[in-house]
Protein backbone atom coordinates (compact mmCIF):
# COMPACT_ATOMS: atom_id res chain seq x y z
CA UNK A 1 13.20 -13.92 -16.53
CA UNK A 2 16.45 -12.36 -17.78
CA UNK A 3 14.49 -9.97 -19.99
CA UNK A 4 12.28 -8.88 -17.09
CA UNK A 5 15.35 -8.15 -14.93
CA UNK A 6 16.82 -6.01 -17.73
CA UNK A 7 13.54 -4.13 -18.06
CA UNK A 8 13.32 -3.47 -14.32
CA UNK A 9 16.96 -2.30 -14.35
CA UNK A 10 16.11 0.11 -17.16
CA UNK A 11 13.16 1.32 -15.12
CA UNK A 12 15.42 2.15 -12.14
CA UNK A 13 18.04 3.87 -14.29
CA UNK A 14 15.37 6.00 -15.94
CA UNK A 15 13.87 6.99 -12.59
CA UNK A 16 17.27 8.15 -11.35
CA UNK A 17 17.88 10.19 -14.52
CA UNK A 18 14.48 11.87 -14.17
CA UNK A 19 15.06 12.83 -10.54
CA UNK A 20 18.31 14.62 -11.49
CA UNK A 21 16.21 17.37 -13.03
CA UNK A 22 18.62 18.15 -15.89
CA UNK A 23 16.49 19.94 -18.47
CA UNK A 24 18.39 18.91 -21.66
CA UNK A 25 18.43 15.30 -20.41
CA UNK A 26 14.67 15.42 -19.72
CA UNK A 27 14.08 16.75 -23.23
CA UNK A 28 16.16 13.93 -24.70
CA UNK A 29 14.26 11.31 -22.70
CA UNK A 30 10.93 12.78 -23.79
CA UNK A 31 12.11 12.67 -27.42
CA UNK A 32 13.14 9.00 -27.17
CA UNK A 33 9.91 8.07 -25.36
CA UNK A 34 7.87 9.74 -28.11
CA UNK A 35 9.76 7.82 -30.79
CA UNK A 36 9.01 4.48 -29.15
CA UNK A 37 5.35 5.35 -28.61
CA UNK A 38 4.97 6.34 -32.26
CA UNK A 39 6.69 3.17 -33.49
CA UNK A 40 4.43 0.91 -31.44
CA UNK A 41 1.38 2.88 -32.56
CA UNK A 42 2.57 2.40 -36.14
CA UNK A 43 2.66 -1.37 -35.68
CA UNK A 44 -0.52 -1.59 -33.59
CA UNK A 45 -3.06 -0.88 -36.35
CA UNK A 46 -1.83 -3.49 -38.88
CA UNK A 47 -1.38 -5.95 -36.00
CA UNK A 48 -5.05 -5.63 -35.03
CA UNK A 49 -6.37 -5.85 -38.60
CA UNK A 50 -4.19 -8.74 -39.75
CA UNK A 51 -4.78 -10.72 -36.53
CA UNK A 52 -8.55 -10.61 -36.88
CA UNK A 53 -8.62 -11.25 -40.65
CA UNK A 54 -6.20 -14.18 -40.58
CA UNK A 55 -7.89 -15.75 -37.55
CA UNK A 56 -11.31 -15.76 -39.20
CA UNK A 57 -9.94 -16.71 -42.61
CA UNK A 58 -7.82 -19.56 -41.24
CA UNK A 59 -10.07 -21.01 -38.54
CA UNK A 60 -13.47 -19.92 -39.83
CA UNK A 61 -16.14 -17.79 -38.17
CA UNK A 62 -17.99 -20.87 -36.89
CA UNK A 63 -14.94 -22.24 -35.11
CA UNK A 64 -14.27 -18.84 -33.54
CA UNK A 65 -17.72 -18.59 -31.99
CA UNK A 66 -16.77 -20.45 -28.81
CA UNK A 67 -13.63 -18.35 -28.37
CA UNK A 68 -15.66 -15.16 -28.91
CA UNK A 69 -18.27 -16.26 -26.35
CA UNK A 70 -15.62 -16.92 -23.70
CA UNK A 71 -13.91 -13.61 -24.47
CA UNK A 72 -17.13 -11.61 -24.06
CA UNK A 73 -18.11 -13.44 -20.87
CA UNK A 74 -14.80 -12.83 -19.13
CA UNK A 75 -14.63 -9.26 -20.43
CA UNK A 76 -18.03 -8.38 -18.97
CA UNK A 77 -17.34 -10.15 -15.67
CA UNK A 78 -13.97 -8.49 -15.08
CA UNK A 79 -15.18 -5.05 -16.18
CA UNK A 80 -18.22 -5.17 -13.89
CA UNK A 81 -15.94 -6.33 -11.06
CA UNK A 82 -13.60 -3.36 -11.61
CA UNK A 83 -16.49 -0.88 -11.54
CA UNK A 84 -17.96 -2.52 -8.42
CA UNK A 85 -14.61 -2.33 -6.61
CA UNK A 86 -14.37 1.37 -7.51
CA UNK A 87 -17.90 2.02 -6.22
CA UNK A 88 -17.23 0.20 -2.95
CA UNK A 89 -14.01 2.11 -2.32
CA UNK A 90 -15.73 5.41 -3.12
CA UNK A 91 -18.40 4.73 -0.49
CA UNK A 92 -15.84 3.59 2.11
CA UNK A 93 -13.27 6.38 1.59
CA UNK A 94 -15.91 9.04 0.83
CA UNK A 95 -13.92 11.84 -0.87
CA UNK A 96 -15.18 15.24 0.24
CA UNK A 97 -16.21 18.16 -1.96
CA UNK A 98 -13.56 20.48 -3.33
CA UNK A 99 -13.58 24.09 -2.11
CA UNK A 100 -15.62 26.33 -4.39
CA UNK A 101 -12.54 28.49 -4.97
CA UNK A 102 -10.60 25.51 -6.32
CA UNK A 103 -13.36 24.70 -8.77
CA UNK A 104 -13.61 28.28 -10.00
CA UNK A 105 -9.84 28.51 -10.46
CA UNK A 106 -9.66 25.29 -12.47
CA UNK A 107 -8.15 25.57 -15.91
CA UNK A 108 -11.39 25.47 -17.83
CA UNK A 109 -9.99 26.70 -21.16
CA UNK A 110 -8.75 23.33 -22.31
CA UNK A 111 -11.84 21.59 -20.97
CA UNK A 112 -14.13 23.95 -22.90
CA UNK A 113 -12.20 23.33 -26.10
CA UNK A 114 -12.42 19.60 -25.68
CA UNK A 115 -16.09 19.71 -24.76
CA UNK A 116 -17.03 21.52 -27.96
CA UNK A 117 -15.46 18.74 -29.99
CA UNK A 118 -16.92 15.77 -28.14
CA UNK A 119 -20.20 13.95 -28.52
CA UNK A 120 -20.86 10.42 -27.31
CA UNK A 121 -23.41 10.00 -30.11
CA UNK A 122 -20.79 11.09 -32.66
CA UNK A 123 -18.29 8.72 -31.06
CA UNK A 124 -20.61 5.75 -31.65
CA UNK A 125 -21.56 6.91 -35.15
CA UNK A 126 -17.89 7.31 -36.12
CA UNK A 127 -17.41 3.57 -35.63
CA UNK A 128 -19.40 2.90 -38.82
CA UNK A 129 -16.94 3.54 -41.68
CA UNK A 130 -18.11 5.29 -44.86
CA UNK A 131 -14.69 5.23 -46.49
CA UNK A 132 -12.35 2.27 -46.50
CA UNK A 133 -9.22 4.44 -46.21
CA UNK A 134 -10.41 6.87 -43.51
CA UNK A 135 -10.30 4.36 -40.58
CA UNK A 136 -6.73 3.48 -41.59
CA UNK A 137 -5.62 7.11 -41.80
CA UNK A 138 -7.36 8.07 -38.54
CA UNK A 139 -6.38 4.91 -36.66
CA UNK A 140 -10.04 4.27 -35.73
CA UNK A 141 -9.63 0.86 -34.08
CA UNK A 142 -13.34 0.02 -33.81
CA UNK A 143 -13.96 0.82 -37.49
CA UNK A 144 -10.95 -1.23 -38.48
CA UNK A 145 -12.22 -4.13 -36.38
CA UNK A 146 -15.56 -4.03 -38.20
CA UNK A 147 -13.77 -4.07 -41.56
CA UNK A 148 -11.45 -6.85 -40.41
CA UNK A 149 -14.38 -8.95 -39.19
CA UNK A 150 -16.17 -8.47 -42.52
CA UNK A 151 -13.10 -9.34 -44.60
CA UNK A 152 -12.14 -12.30 -42.40
CA UNK A 153 -15.66 -13.77 -42.39
CA UNK A 154 -15.89 -13.17 -46.14
CA UNK A 155 -12.67 -15.09 -46.71
CA UNK A 156 -13.89 -17.90 -44.46
CA UNK A 157 -17.13 -18.17 -46.44
CA UNK A 158 -15.39 -18.18 -49.83
CA UNK A 159 -15.17 -21.65 -51.39
CA UNK A 160 -11.70 -23.13 -51.44
CA UNK A 161 -9.83 -22.02 -54.54
CA UNK A 162 -6.41 -20.94 -55.71
CA UNK A 163 -7.38 -17.28 -55.47
CA UNK A 164 -8.47 -17.64 -51.85
CA UNK A 165 -5.29 -19.57 -50.98
CA UNK A 166 -3.13 -16.82 -52.50
CA UNK A 167 -4.92 -14.07 -50.53
CA UNK A 168 -4.75 -15.94 -47.21
CA UNK A 169 -1.11 -16.92 -47.76
CA UNK A 170 -0.22 -13.30 -48.57
CA UNK A 171 -1.94 -12.05 -45.41
CA UNK A 172 -0.16 -14.66 -43.28
CA UNK A 173 3.15 -13.64 -44.87
CA UNK A 174 2.50 -9.98 -44.03
CA UNK A 175 1.69 -11.01 -40.47
CA UNK A 176 4.96 -12.95 -40.16
CA UNK A 177 6.86 -9.90 -41.44
CA UNK A 178 5.04 -7.68 -38.96
CA UNK A 179 5.95 -9.93 -36.04
CA UNK A 180 9.58 -9.90 -37.16
CA UNK A 181 9.54 -6.09 -36.95
CA UNK A 182 7.85 -6.27 -33.55
CA UNK A 183 10.51 -8.63 -32.18
CA UNK A 184 13.23 -6.28 -33.42
CA UNK A 185 11.61 -3.31 -31.71
CA UNK A 186 11.16 -5.26 -28.47
CA UNK A 187 14.87 -6.15 -28.55
CA UNK A 188 15.73 -2.44 -28.31
CA UNK A 189 13.01 -1.67 -25.78
CA UNK A 190 15.23 -1.29 -22.66
CA UNK A 191 16.35 2.05 -24.12
CA UNK A 192 12.71 3.06 -24.46
CA UNK A 193 11.96 2.04 -20.87
CA UNK A 194 14.81 4.23 -19.60
CA UNK A 195 13.24 7.16 -21.45
CA UNK A 196 9.68 6.42 -20.28
CA UNK A 197 10.78 6.04 -16.67
CA UNK A 198 12.85 9.24 -16.75
CA UNK A 199 9.90 11.13 -18.23
CA UNK A 200 7.56 9.94 -15.45
CA UNK A 201 10.11 10.59 -12.70
CA UNK A 202 10.65 14.15 -13.94
CA UNK A 203 6.88 14.80 -13.95
CA UNK A 204 6.51 13.60 -10.36
CA UNK A 205 9.52 15.66 -9.24
CA UNK A 206 7.94 18.72 -10.85
CA UNK A 207 4.85 18.33 -8.66
CA UNK A 208 2.40 16.75 -11.08
CA UNK A 209 0.65 14.95 -8.25
CA UNK A 210 -1.42 17.33 -6.12
CA UNK A 211 -2.57 16.76 -2.55
CA UNK A 212 -5.88 18.66 -2.83
CA UNK A 213 -7.81 15.65 -4.12
CA UNK A 214 -5.87 12.94 -2.34
CA UNK A 215 -8.91 10.85 -1.40
CA UNK A 216 -10.17 10.85 -4.96
CA UNK A 217 -6.77 9.67 -6.21
CA UNK A 218 -6.68 7.06 -3.43
CA UNK A 219 -10.02 5.66 -4.59
CA UNK A 220 -8.99 5.52 -8.26
CA UNK A 221 -5.54 4.03 -7.71
CA UNK A 222 -6.69 1.82 -4.83
CA UNK A 223 -9.41 0.33 -7.00
CA UNK A 224 -6.91 -0.35 -9.78
CA UNK A 225 -4.49 -2.08 -7.39
CA UNK A 226 -7.23 -4.24 -5.85
CA UNK A 227 -8.43 -5.27 -9.30
CA UNK A 228 -4.85 -5.93 -10.44
CA UNK A 229 -3.52 -7.88 -7.46
CA UNK A 230 -6.65 -9.48 -5.98
CA UNK A 231 -9.69 -9.66 -8.26
CA UNK A 232 -8.03 -10.71 -11.53
CA UNK A 233 -5.79 -13.30 -9.81
CA UNK A 234 -8.94 -14.75 -8.23
CA UNK A 235 -10.46 -15.13 -11.70
CA UNK A 236 -7.33 -17.00 -12.81
CA UNK A 237 -7.32 -19.22 -9.73
CA UNK A 238 -10.99 -20.07 -10.32
CA UNK A 239 -10.00 -21.45 -13.75
CA UNK A 240 -7.06 -23.40 -12.31
CA UNK A 241 -4.36 -21.00 -13.54
CA UNK A 242 -1.38 -19.72 -11.53
CA UNK A 243 -1.61 -15.89 -11.39
CA UNK A 244 2.09 -15.46 -10.58
CA UNK A 245 3.10 -17.55 -13.58
CA UNK A 246 0.74 -15.68 -15.93
CA UNK A 247 1.88 -12.25 -14.67
CA UNK A 248 5.56 -13.15 -14.92
CA UNK A 249 5.07 -14.28 -18.52
CA UNK A 250 3.04 -11.20 -19.46
CA UNK A 251 5.20 -8.68 -17.56
CA UNK A 252 6.77 -7.17 -20.72
CA UNK A 253 3.31 -6.20 -21.97
CA UNK A 254 2.19 -4.85 -18.59
CA UNK A 255 5.32 -2.70 -18.26
CA UNK A 256 4.97 -1.49 -21.83
CA UNK A 257 1.36 -0.47 -21.15
CA UNK A 258 2.43 1.38 -18.02
CA UNK A 259 4.66 3.69 -20.02
CA UNK A 260 2.88 4.05 -23.36
CA UNK A 261 -0.54 4.64 -21.71
CA UNK A 262 -2.09 2.91 -24.70
CA UNK A 263 -3.32 -0.67 -24.74
CA UNK A 264 -3.59 -0.44 -28.54
CA UNK A 265 0.06 0.58 -28.89
CA UNK A 266 1.02 -2.22 -26.49
CA UNK A 267 -0.88 -4.87 -28.46
CA UNK A 268 2.17 -6.11 -30.44
CA UNK A 269 4.04 -6.79 -27.19
CA UNK A 270 0.95 -8.35 -25.60
CA UNK A 271 0.53 -10.79 -28.48
CA UNK A 272 4.22 -11.64 -28.61
CA UNK A 273 4.32 -12.28 -24.85
CA UNK A 274 1.13 -14.37 -24.89
CA UNK A 275 2.30 -16.61 -27.72
CA UNK A 276 6.03 -16.94 -27.08
CA UNK A 277 6.19 -16.59 -23.29
CA UNK A 278 2.82 -17.77 -21.95
CA UNK A 279 2.24 -20.41 -24.62
CA UNK A 280 -1.22 -19.28 -25.73
CA UNK A 281 -2.36 -20.82 -29.01
CA UNK A 282 -2.12 -18.42 -31.95
CA UNK A 283 -5.75 -18.88 -32.94
CA UNK A 284 -6.71 -17.70 -29.45
CA UNK A 285 -4.23 -14.84 -28.92
CA UNK A 286 -4.70 -13.36 -32.39
CA UNK A 287 -8.46 -13.41 -31.99
CA UNK A 288 -8.92 -12.55 -28.29
CA UNK A 289 -6.29 -9.85 -27.75
CA UNK A 290 -7.30 -7.46 -30.56
CA UNK A 291 -10.89 -7.65 -29.32
CA UNK A 292 -9.88 -7.19 -25.67
CA UNK A 293 -7.67 -4.24 -26.58
CA UNK A 294 -10.79 -2.51 -27.87
CA UNK A 295 -13.51 -3.54 -25.40
CA UNK A 296 -11.88 -4.95 -22.24
CA UNK A 297 -11.24 -1.77 -20.24
CA UNK A 298 -11.21 -2.60 -16.52
CA UNK A 299 -9.23 0.47 -15.51
CA UNK A 300 -11.32 2.75 -17.71
CA UNK A 301 -14.60 1.50 -16.20
CA UNK A 302 -13.34 2.21 -12.70
CA UNK A 303 -12.06 5.67 -13.69
CA UNK A 304 -15.31 6.65 -15.41
CA UNK A 305 -17.37 5.54 -12.42
CA UNK A 306 -15.26 7.13 -9.67
CA UNK A 307 -14.65 10.37 -11.58
CA UNK A 308 -18.31 10.70 -12.55
CA UNK A 309 -19.42 10.20 -8.94
CA UNK A 310 -16.84 12.73 -7.76
CA UNK A 311 -17.87 15.34 -10.31
CA UNK A 312 -21.59 14.82 -9.75
CA UNK A 313 -21.12 14.99 -5.98
CA UNK A 314 -19.33 18.31 -6.33
CA UNK A 315 -22.17 19.48 -8.53
CA UNK A 316 -24.72 18.77 -5.81
CA UNK A 317 -26.12 15.45 -7.08
CA UNK A 318 -27.08 13.09 -4.21
CA UNK A 319 -25.21 9.81 -4.54
CA UNK A 320 -27.93 7.30 -3.68
CA UNK A 321 -27.58 3.54 -4.07
CA UNK A 322 -29.69 3.69 -7.21
CA UNK A 323 -27.48 6.41 -8.70
CA UNK A 324 -24.32 4.42 -7.98
CA UNK A 325 -25.76 1.20 -9.49
CA UNK A 326 -26.92 3.08 -12.58
CA UNK A 327 -23.47 4.60 -13.08
CA UNK A 328 -21.81 1.21 -12.64
CA UNK A 329 -23.80 0.08 -15.67
CA UNK A 330 -23.07 3.29 -17.60
CA UNK A 331 -19.35 3.08 -16.85
CA UNK A 332 -19.12 -0.54 -18.03
CA UNK A 333 -20.97 0.14 -21.28
CA UNK A 334 -18.96 3.33 -21.87
CA UNK A 335 -15.64 1.59 -21.18
CA UNK A 336 -16.47 -1.17 -23.66
CA UNK A 337 -17.04 1.49 -26.32
CA UNK A 338 -13.86 3.38 -25.51
CA UNK A 339 -10.76 3.33 -27.72
CA UNK A 340 -7.49 2.00 -26.26
CA UNK A 341 -5.58 5.26 -26.71
CA UNK A 342 -3.94 7.69 -24.25
CA UNK A 343 -6.49 9.85 -22.36
CA UNK A 344 -9.40 8.00 -23.99
CA UNK A 345 -11.14 7.51 -20.62
CA UNK A 346 -10.68 11.17 -19.70
CA UNK A 347 -12.32 12.38 -22.91
CA UNK A 348 -15.16 9.88 -22.54
CA UNK A 349 -15.84 10.93 -18.94
CA UNK A 350 -15.82 14.55 -20.03
CA UNK A 351 -18.41 13.74 -22.68
CA UNK A 352 -20.65 11.94 -20.18
CA UNK A 353 -20.44 14.72 -17.60
CA UNK A 354 -21.13 17.38 -20.22
CA UNK A 355 -24.21 15.47 -21.29
CA UNK A 356 -25.79 15.65 -17.83
CA UNK A 357 -24.71 19.23 -17.10
CA UNK A 358 -22.23 18.34 -14.33
CA UNK A 359 -19.44 20.84 -13.45
CA UNK A 360 -16.81 19.68 -15.96
CA UNK A 361 -14.40 22.37 -14.71
CA UNK A 362 -13.48 19.88 -11.98
CA UNK A 363 -11.88 17.75 -14.68
CA UNK A 364 -9.45 20.64 -15.15
CA UNK A 365 -8.20 19.95 -11.61
CA UNK A 366 -7.92 16.22 -12.31
CA UNK A 367 -6.13 16.75 -15.63
CA UNK A 368 -2.60 17.44 -14.23
CA UNK A 369 -2.58 14.12 -12.33
CA UNK A 370 -4.29 12.10 -15.04
CA UNK A 371 -0.94 11.07 -16.52
CA UNK A 372 -0.25 8.90 -13.46
CA UNK A 373 -3.80 7.54 -13.36
CA UNK A 374 -3.72 6.77 -17.08
CA UNK A 375 -0.50 4.79 -16.71
CA UNK A 376 -1.84 2.61 -13.92
CA UNK A 377 -5.22 1.95 -15.49
CA UNK A 378 -3.66 1.08 -18.87
CA UNK A 379 -1.38 -1.44 -17.18
CA UNK A 380 -4.47 -2.91 -15.50
CA UNK A 381 -6.29 -3.03 -18.86
CA UNK A 382 -3.48 -5.02 -20.46
CA UNK A 383 -3.19 -7.31 -17.45
CA UNK A 384 -6.93 -7.93 -17.71
CA UNK A 385 -6.57 -8.61 -21.46
CA UNK A 386 -3.85 -11.12 -20.60
CA UNK A 387 -6.05 -12.82 -18.01
CA UNK A 388 -9.02 -13.06 -20.38
CA UNK A 389 -6.74 -14.50 -23.07
CA UNK A 390 -5.21 -17.04 -20.67
CA UNK A 391 -8.62 -18.16 -19.34
CA UNK A 392 -10.09 -18.41 -22.84
CA UNK A 393 -7.09 -20.42 -24.01
CA UNK A 394 -7.48 -22.72 -21.00
CA UNK A 395 -11.23 -23.22 -21.45
CA UNK A 396 -11.17 -23.81 -25.19
CA UNK A 397 -8.25 -26.22 -24.94
CA UNK A 398 -10.13 -28.32 -22.39
CA UNK A 399 -13.18 -28.71 -24.64
């Protein structure tokens, strides 16, 4: 609890510094925030790979099957729930069309550049590695997961021998060293939170949030808040878990996600909080959380659905019940295939809208406010990861 109070205090101090509007101070805070983001990204990739390999190698692929089944079940249920909440809010609030002038004045230059580089087919194909070093250098989380699964299962299938014991022991030693570095970085994190908070406060003061698409923003953020504070706690209650207790224990990870806008970069904090604060068994946290970081994207599913409906509506597409149900399915599948990196959902939505010929220039209007949306939905993603991990830990312990 003491750590959470310190973090919240750092959050308030940073907000005050950002509101002051001192340009050199804002530049300093942005510099510090970038350093912390890069350090956590540095630790995130080896954390994911080592967690999956050591889990399979230590507990065996057969013993992990039940944990994997629970993880996938809760991931699909929570992601579908998030998309459904977004669809319901969209129908109830009913955002209107943007004026034609606003669409034509949208900053389409950056959108066009991004569009020429994006392909959903290429995104899926890029998951299959053709070079063992390239996924490491590019930080391709899905490719690294495939390699980690293969290596971990291979080690589990190897007959017991001195060579196998040496490899597994070395990997476990590297993992212990990695967690030591993570704990050291977390110890200094209040400074990072001051910088993150100041950066956000300065953006809001500069008018990042626009009023022209207020209803759209209300749907996106409203859906995230309902999922965060109502739907996910109901999942926990249904499994006999106390949502307040789980959230309090996982708060460092949720706050970290809010500011880094990357569930992958937050993974070291998520795992540390789950194991040392929430009491999740290591064989569960180190298996479930790397998978959830990659596929459990509640906030992303809601964003893809709501934004796609908004863009299609502005392009003249009738939003029938069948269309909404179809895009709920598309948004869930797309979110599962998305990478846990900043702006990942934005790029994926852009790719989907380009594929159906929708007016992607509208995304140029959304882009200036996406920073705020990205922060909230990433925090929801990590909170959902935490819930799935807690429920899986509970269910597998009871069996």
